[in-house]
């Protein structure tokens, strides 16, 4: 497990990640999230830790309903 350097993020970034995941109809890779919404990987990791998500074995994530 990789420990993120970052410990906090802006609320705007968290909402951006959450809103993007709500729009997805299927699981998505973290790298695709970074590319599509323009957040850095460390901030994405913190946001995903704060949200209720499902992690798949192949590395994809999905927001729990």
PDB file of N, CA and C in Angstrom:
ATOM      1  N   UNK A   1       0.837  -1.173   0.000  1.00  0.00           N
ATOM      2  CA  UNK A   1       0.000   0.000   0.000  1.00  0.00           C
ATOM      3  C   UNK A   1       0.883   1.239   0.000  1.00  0.00           C
ATOM      4  N   UNK A   2       0.541   2.177  -0.869  1.00  0.00           N
ATOM      5  CA  UNK A   2       1.287   3.423  -0.972  1.00  0.00           C
ATOM      6  C   UNK A   2       0.615   4.465  -0.095  1.00  0.00           C
ATOM      7  N   UNK A   3       1.393   5.103   0.744  1.00  0.00           N
ATOM      8  CA  UNK A   3       0.855   6.144   1.618  1.00  0.00           C
ATOM      9  C   UNK A   3       1.012   7.478   0.906  1.00  0.00           C
ATOM     10  N   UNK A   4      -0.070   8.199   0.782  1.00  0.00           N
ATOM     11  CA  UNK A   4      -0.068   9.478   0.087  1.00  0.00           C
ATOM     12  C   UNK A   4       0.709  10.521   0.878  1.00  0.00           C
ATOM     13  N   UNK A   5       1.411  11.385   0.166  1.00  0.00           N
ATOM     14  CA  UNK A   5       2.132  12.489   0.804  1.00  0.00           C
ATOM     15  C   UNK A   5       1.147  13.509   1.353  1.00  0.00           C
ATOM     16  N   UNK A   6       0.047  13.632   0.667  1.00  0.00           N
ATOM     17  CA  UNK A   6      -0.951  14.632   0.983  1.00  0.00           C
ATOM     18  C   UNK A   6      -1.869  14.139   2.096  1.00  0.00           C
ATOM     19  N   UNK A   7      -2.271  15.032   2.974  1.00  0.00           N
ATOM     20  CA  UNK A   7      -3.153  14.656   4.070  1.00  0.00           C
ATOM     21  C   UNK A   7      -4.508  15.344   3.979  1.00  0.00           C
ATOM     22  N   UNK A   8      -4.600  16.399   3.163  1.00  0.00           N
ATOM     23  CA  UNK A   8      -5.862  17.109   3.019  1.00  0.00           C
ATOM     24  C   UNK A   8      -5.989  17.653   1.602  1.00  0.00           C
ATOM     25  N   UNK A   9      -7.211  17.992   1.225  1.00  0.00           N
ATOM     26  CA  UNK A   9      -7.461  18.557  -0.092  1.00  0.00           C
ATOM     27  C   UNK A   9      -8.531  19.635   0.034  1.00  0.00           C
ATOM     28  N   UNK A  10      -8.688  20.415  -1.006  1.00  0.00           N
ATOM     29  CA  UNK A  10      -9.745  21.427  -1.038  1.00  0.00           C
ATOM     30  C   UNK A  10     -11.096  20.746  -1.225  1.00  0.00           C
ATOM     31  N   UNK A  11     -12.115  21.313  -0.648  1.00  0.00           N
ATOM     32  CA  UNK A  11     -13.475  20.786  -0.782  1.00  0.00           C
ATOM     33  C   UNK A  11     -13.877  20.770  -2.256  1.00  0.00           C
ATOM     34  N   UNK A  12     -13.454  21.772  -3.003  1.00  0.00           N
ATOM     35  CA  UNK A  12     -13.767  21.854  -4.430  1.00  0.00           C
ATOM     36  C   UNK A  12     -13.228  20.635  -5.179  1.00  0.00           C
ATOM     37  N   UNK A  13     -12.030  20.191  -4.841  1.00  0.00           N
ATOM     38  CA  UNK A  13     -11.436  19.025  -5.485  1.00  0.00           C
ATOM     39  C   UNK A  13     -12.211  17.769  -5.121  1.00  0.00           C
ATOM     40  N   UNK A  14     -12.590  17.642  -3.874  1.00  0.00           N
ATOM     41  CA  UNK A  14     -13.370  16.494  -3.427  1.00  0.00           C
ATOM     42  C   UNK A  14     -14.697  16.427  -4.178  1.00  0.00           C
ATOM     43  N   UNK A  15     -15.383  17.556  -4.286  1.00  0.00           N
ATOM     44  CA  UNK A  15     -16.667  17.608  -5.003  1.00  0.00           C
ATOM     45  C   UNK A  15     -16.477  17.299  -6.486  1.00  0.00           C
ATOM     46  N   UNK A  16     -15.376  17.751  -7.051  1.00  0.00           N
ATOM     47  CA  UNK A  16     -15.083  17.506  -8.457  1.00  0.00           C
ATOM     48  C   UNK A  16     -14.946  16.002  -8.718  1.00  0.00           C
ATOM     49  N   UNK A  17     -14.228  15.314  -7.848  1.00  0.00           N
ATOM     50  CA  UNK A  17     -14.056  13.867  -7.968  1.00  0.00           C
ATOM     51  C   UNK A  17     -15.389  13.158  -7.748  1.00  0.00           C
ATOM     52  N   UNK A  18     -16.115  13.562  -6.716  1.00  0.00           N
ATOM     53  CA  UNK A  18     -17.399  12.934  -6.411  1.00  0.00           C
ATOM     54  C   UNK A  18     -18.393  13.113  -7.565  1.00  0.00           C
ATOM     55  N   UNK A  19     -18.505  14.313  -8.087  1.00  0.00           N
ATOM     56  CA  UNK A  19     -19.424  14.574  -9.191  1.00  0.00           C
ATOM     57  C   UNK A  19     -19.046  13.772 -10.433  1.00  0.00           C
ATOM     58  N   UNK A  20     -17.745  13.679 -10.701  1.00  0.00           N
ATOM     59  CA  UNK A  20     -17.290  12.905 -11.859  1.00  0.00           C
ATOM     60  C   UNK A  20     -17.657  11.428 -11.701  1.00  0.00           C
ATOM     61  N   UNK A  21     -17.428  10.875 -10.509  1.00  0.00           N
ATOM     62  CA  UNK A  21     -17.742   9.466 -10.279  1.00  0.00           C
ATOM     63  C   UNK A  21     -19.248   9.202 -10.341  1.00  0.00           C
ATOM     64  N   UNK A  22     -20.062  10.159  -9.938  1.00  0.00           N
ATOM     65  CA  UNK A  22     -21.515  10.001 -10.029  1.00  0.00           C
ATOM     66  C   UNK A  22     -21.980   9.906 -11.473  1.00  0.00           C
ATOM     67  N   UNK A  23     -21.270  10.541 -12.392  1.00  0.00           N
ATOM     68  CA  UNK A  23     -21.636  10.534 -13.802  1.00  0.00           C
ATOM     69  C   UNK A  23     -21.260   9.234 -14.509  1.00  0.00           C
ATOM     70  N   UNK A  24     -20.372   8.453 -13.908  1.00  0.00           N
ATOM     71  CA  UNK A  24     -19.888   7.232 -14.558  1.00  0.00           C
ATOM     72  C   UNK A  24     -20.912   6.115 -14.446  1.00  0.00           C
ATOM     73  N   UNK A  25     -21.052   5.345 -15.526  1.00  0.00           N
ATOM     74  CA  UNK A  25     -21.995   4.230 -15.530  1.00  0.00           C
ATOM     75  C   UNK A  25     -21.310   2.904 -15.247  1.00  0.00           C
ATOM     76  N   UNK A  26     -19.972   2.901 -15.279  1.00  0.00           N
ATOM     77  CA  UNK A  26     -19.210   1.696 -14.975  1.00  0.00           C
ATOM     78  C   UNK A  26     -17.909   2.091 -14.274  1.00  0.00           C
ATOM     79  N   UNK A  27     -17.231   1.134 -13.647  1.00  0.00           N
ATOM     80  CA  UNK A  27     -15.977   1.442 -12.948  1.00  0.00           C
ATOM     81  C   UNK A  27     -14.943   2.056 -13.889  1.00  0.00           C
ATOM     82  N   UNK A  28     -14.066   2.881 -13.331  1.00  0.00           N
ATOM     83  CA  UNK A  28     -13.073   3.604 -14.124  1.00  0.00           C
ATOM     84  C   UNK A  28     -11.714   3.533 -13.422  1.00  0.00           C
ATOM     85  N   UNK A  29     -10.647   3.528 -14.220  1.00  0.00           N
ATOM     86  CA  UNK A  29      -9.302   3.510 -13.664  1.00  0.00           C
ATOM     87  C   UNK A  29      -8.949   4.876 -13.081  1.00  0.00           C
ATOM     88  N   UNK A  30      -8.153   4.869 -12.022  1.00  0.00           N
ATOM     89  CA  UNK A  30      -7.750   6.117 -11.370  1.00  0.00           C
ATOM     90  C   UNK A  30      -6.985   7.020 -12.335  1.00  0.00           C
ATOM     91  N   UNK A  31      -6.133   6.433 -13.173  1.00  0.00           N
ATOM     92  CA  UNK A  31      -5.359   7.239 -14.125  1.00  0.00           C
ATOM     93  C   UNK A  31      -6.274   7.960 -15.107  1.00  0.00           C
ATOM     94  N   UNK A  32      -7.381   7.354 -15.469  1.00  0.00           N
ATOM     95  CA  UNK A  32      -8.341   8.004 -16.368  1.00  0.00           C
ATOM     96  C   UNK A  32      -9.033   9.170 -15.679  1.00  0.00           C
ATOM     97  N   UNK A  33      -9.290   9.033 -14.380  1.00  0.00           N
ATOM     98  CA  UNK A  33      -9.894  10.131 -13.621  1.00  0.00           C
ATOM     99  C   UNK A  33      -8.944  11.322 -13.612  1.00  0.00           C
ATOM    100  N   UNK A  34      -7.666  11.058 -13.340  1.00  0.00           N
ATOM    101  CA  UNK A  34      -6.657  12.119 -13.300  1.00  0.00           C
ATOM    102  C   UNK A  34      -6.601  12.846 -14.636  1.00  0.00           C
ATOM    103  N   UNK A  35      -6.597  12.086 -15.736  1.00  0.00           N
ATOM    104  CA  UNK A  35      -6.519  12.688 -17.072  1.00  0.00           C
ATOM    105  C   UNK A  35      -7.765  13.492 -17.415  1.00  0.00           C
ATOM    106  N   UNK A  36      -8.935  12.977 -17.073  1.00  0.00           N
ATOM    107  CA  UNK A  36     -10.178  13.596 -17.515  1.00  0.00           C
ATOM    108  C   UNK A  36     -10.596  14.821 -16.708  1.00  0.00           C
ATOM    109  N   UNK A  37     -10.304  14.840 -15.411  1.00  0.00           N
ATOM    110  CA  UNK A  37     -10.752  16.005 -14.628  1.00  0.00           C
ATOM    111  C   UNK A  37      -9.610  16.884 -14.142  1.00  0.00           C
ATOM    112  N   UNK A  38      -8.379  16.471 -14.391  1.00  0.00           N
ATOM    113  CA  UNK A  38      -7.239  17.339 -14.105  1.00  0.00           C
ATOM    114  C   UNK A  38      -6.884  17.522 -12.648  1.00  0.00           C
ATOM    115  N   UNK A  39      -7.030  16.474 -11.856  1.00  0.00           N
ATOM    116  CA  UNK A  39      -6.558  16.537 -10.468  1.00  0.00           C
ATOM    117  C   UNK A  39      -5.269  15.729 -10.369  1.00  0.00           C
ATOM    118  N   UNK A  40      -4.416  16.068  -9.401  1.00  0.00           N
ATOM    119  CA  UNK A  40      -3.191  15.285  -9.264  1.00  0.00           C
ATOM    120  C   UNK A  40      -3.495  13.963  -8.552  1.00  0.00           C
ATOM    121  N   UNK A  41      -2.619  12.991  -8.760  1.00  0.00           N
ATOM    122  CA  UNK A  41      -2.845  11.636  -8.273  1.00  0.00           C
ATOM    123  C   UNK A  41      -2.941  11.575  -6.747  1.00  0.00           C
ATOM    124  N   UNK A  42      -2.138  12.371  -6.055  1.00  0.00           N
ATOM    125  CA  UNK A  42      -2.178  12.376  -4.585  1.00  0.00           C
ATOM    126  C   UNK A  42      -3.514  12.906  -4.066  1.00  0.00           C
ATOM    127  N   UNK A  43      -4.011  13.974  -4.676  1.00  0.00           N
ATOM    128  CA  UNK A  43      -5.308  14.527  -4.269  1.00  0.00           C
ATOM    129  C   UNK A  43      -6.422  13.529  -4.550  1.00  0.00           C
ATOM    130  N   UNK A  44      -6.325  12.831  -5.676  1.00  0.00           N
ATOM    131  CA  UNK A  44      -7.317  11.816  -6.003  1.00  0.00           C
ATOM    132  C   UNK A  44      -7.329  10.726  -4.939  1.00  0.00           C
ATOM    133  N   UNK A  45      -6.166  10.309  -4.499  1.00  0.00           N
ATOM    134  CA  UNK A  45      -6.080   9.276  -3.467  1.00  0.00           C
ATOM    135  C   UNK A  45      -6.749   9.692  -2.171  1.00  0.00           C
ATOM    136  N   UNK A  46      -6.537  10.933  -1.774  1.00  0.00           N
ATOM    137  CA  UNK A  46      -7.155  11.441  -0.554  1.00  0.00           C
ATOM    138  C   UNK A  46      -8.675  11.518  -0.732  1.00  0.00           C
ATOM    139  N   UNK A  47      -9.105  11.997  -1.896  1.00  0.00           N
ATOM    140  CA  UNK A  47     -10.542  12.101  -2.167  1.00  0.00           C
ATOM    141  C   UNK A  47     -11.198  10.724  -2.142  1.00  0.00           C
ATOM    142  N   UNK A  48     -10.558   9.742  -2.733  1.00  0.00           N
ATOM    143  CA  UNK A  48     -11.125   8.399  -2.758  1.00  0.00           C
ATOM    144  C   UNK A  48     -11.181   7.792  -1.360  1.00  0.00           C
ATOM    145  N   UNK A  49     -10.227   8.146  -0.515  1.00  0.00           N
ATOM    146  CA  UNK A  49     -10.260   7.682   0.875  1.00  0.00           C
ATOM    147  C   UNK A  49     -11.431   8.293   1.638  1.00  0.00           C
ATOM    148  N   UNK A  50     -11.849   9.484   1.256  1.00  0.00           N
ATOM    149  CA  UNK A  50     -12.927  10.184   1.947  1.00  0.00           C
ATOM    150  C   UNK A  50     -14.308   9.773   1.440  1.00  0.00           C
ATOM    151  N   UNK A  51     -14.373   9.253   0.225  1.00  0.00           N
ATOM    152  CA  UNK A  51     -15.648   8.858  -0.377  1.00  0.00           C
ATOM    153  C   UNK A  51     -15.883   7.363  -0.184  1.00  0.00           C
ATOM    154  N   UNK A  52     -17.135   6.958  -0.260  1.00  0.00           N
ATOM    155  CA  UNK A  52     -17.465   5.538  -0.188  1.00  0.00           C
ATOM    156  C   UNK A  52     -17.372   4.976  -1.597  1.00  0.00           C
ATOM    157  N   UNK A  53     -16.279   4.244  -1.858  1.00  0.00           N
ATOM    158  CA  UNK A  53     -16.070   3.691  -3.185  1.00  0.00           C
ATOM    159  C   UNK A  53     -15.817   2.192  -3.109  1.00  0.00           C
ATOM    160  N   UNK A  54     -15.982   1.549  -4.242  1.00  0.00           N
ATOM    161  CA  UNK A  54     -15.658   0.135  -4.389  1.00  0.00           C
ATOM    162  C   UNK A  54     -14.370   0.039  -5.189  1.00  0.00           C
ATOM    163  N   UNK A  55     -13.384  -0.698  -4.677  1.00  0.00           N
ATOM    164  CA  UNK A  55     -12.129  -0.950  -5.381  1.00  0.00           C
ATOM    165  C   UNK A  55     -12.222  -2.326  -6.030  1.00  0.00           C
ATOM    166  N   UNK A  56     -11.878  -2.409  -7.300  1.00  0.00           N
ATOM    167  CA  UNK A  56     -11.847  -3.683  -8.007  1.00  0.00           C
ATOM    168  C   UNK A  56     -10.413  -4.173  -8.108  1.00  0.00           C
ATOM    169  N   UNK A  57     -10.238  -5.477  -8.263  1.00  0.00           N
ATOM    170  CA  UNK A  57      -8.897  -6.076  -8.293  1.00  0.00           C
ATOM    171  C   UNK A  57      -8.041  -5.541  -9.412  1.00  0.00           C
ATOM    172  N   UNK A  58      -8.647  -5.137 -10.519  1.00  0.00           N
ATOM    173  CA  UNK A  58      -7.859  -4.643 -11.648  1.00  0.00           C
ATOM    174  C   UNK A  58      -7.494  -3.156 -11.517  1.00  0.00           C
ATOM    175  N   UNK A  59      -7.857  -2.521 -10.412  1.00  0.00           N
ATOM    176  CA  UNK A  59      -7.481  -1.143 -10.158  1.00  0.00           C
ATOM    177  C   UNK A  59      -8.550  -0.112 -10.442  1.00  0.00           C
ATOM    178  N   UNK A  60      -9.689  -0.544 -10.932  1.00  0.00           N
ATOM    179  CA  UNK A  60     -10.763   0.403 -11.214  1.00  0.00           C
ATOM    180  C   UNK A  60     -11.500   0.751  -9.923  1.00  0.00           C
ATOM    181  N   UNK A  61     -12.167   1.889  -9.921  1.00  0.00           N
ATOM    182  CA  UNK A  61     -12.962   2.325  -8.774  1.00  0.00           C
ATOM    183  C   UNK A  61     -14.344   2.733  -9.227  1.00  0.00           C
ATOM    184  N   UNK A  62     -15.285   2.686  -8.284  1.00  0.00           N
ATOM    185  CA  UNK A  62     -16.672   3.047  -8.568  1.00  0.00           C
ATOM    186  C   UNK A  62     -17.281   3.584  -7.278  1.00  0.00           C
ATOM    187  N   UNK A  63     -18.068   4.621  -7.399  1.00  0.00           N
ATOM    188  CA  UNK A  63     -18.756   5.197  -6.254  1.00  0.00           C
ATOM    189  C   UNK A  63     -19.877   4.259  -5.826  1.00  0.00           C
ATOM    190  N   UNK A  64     -19.950   3.952  -4.527  1.00  0.00           N
ATOM    191  CA  UNK A  64     -21.038   3.107  -4.028  1.00  0.00           C
ATOM    192  C   UNK A  64     -22.321   3.909  -4.067  1.00  0.00           C
ATOM    193  N   UNK A  65     -23.394   3.237  -4.405  1.00  0.00           N
ATOM    194  CA  UNK A  65     -24.698   3.916  -4.494  1.00  0.00           C
ATOM    195  C   UNK A  65     -25.350   4.029  -3.144  1.00  0.00           C
TER     196      UNK A  65
END
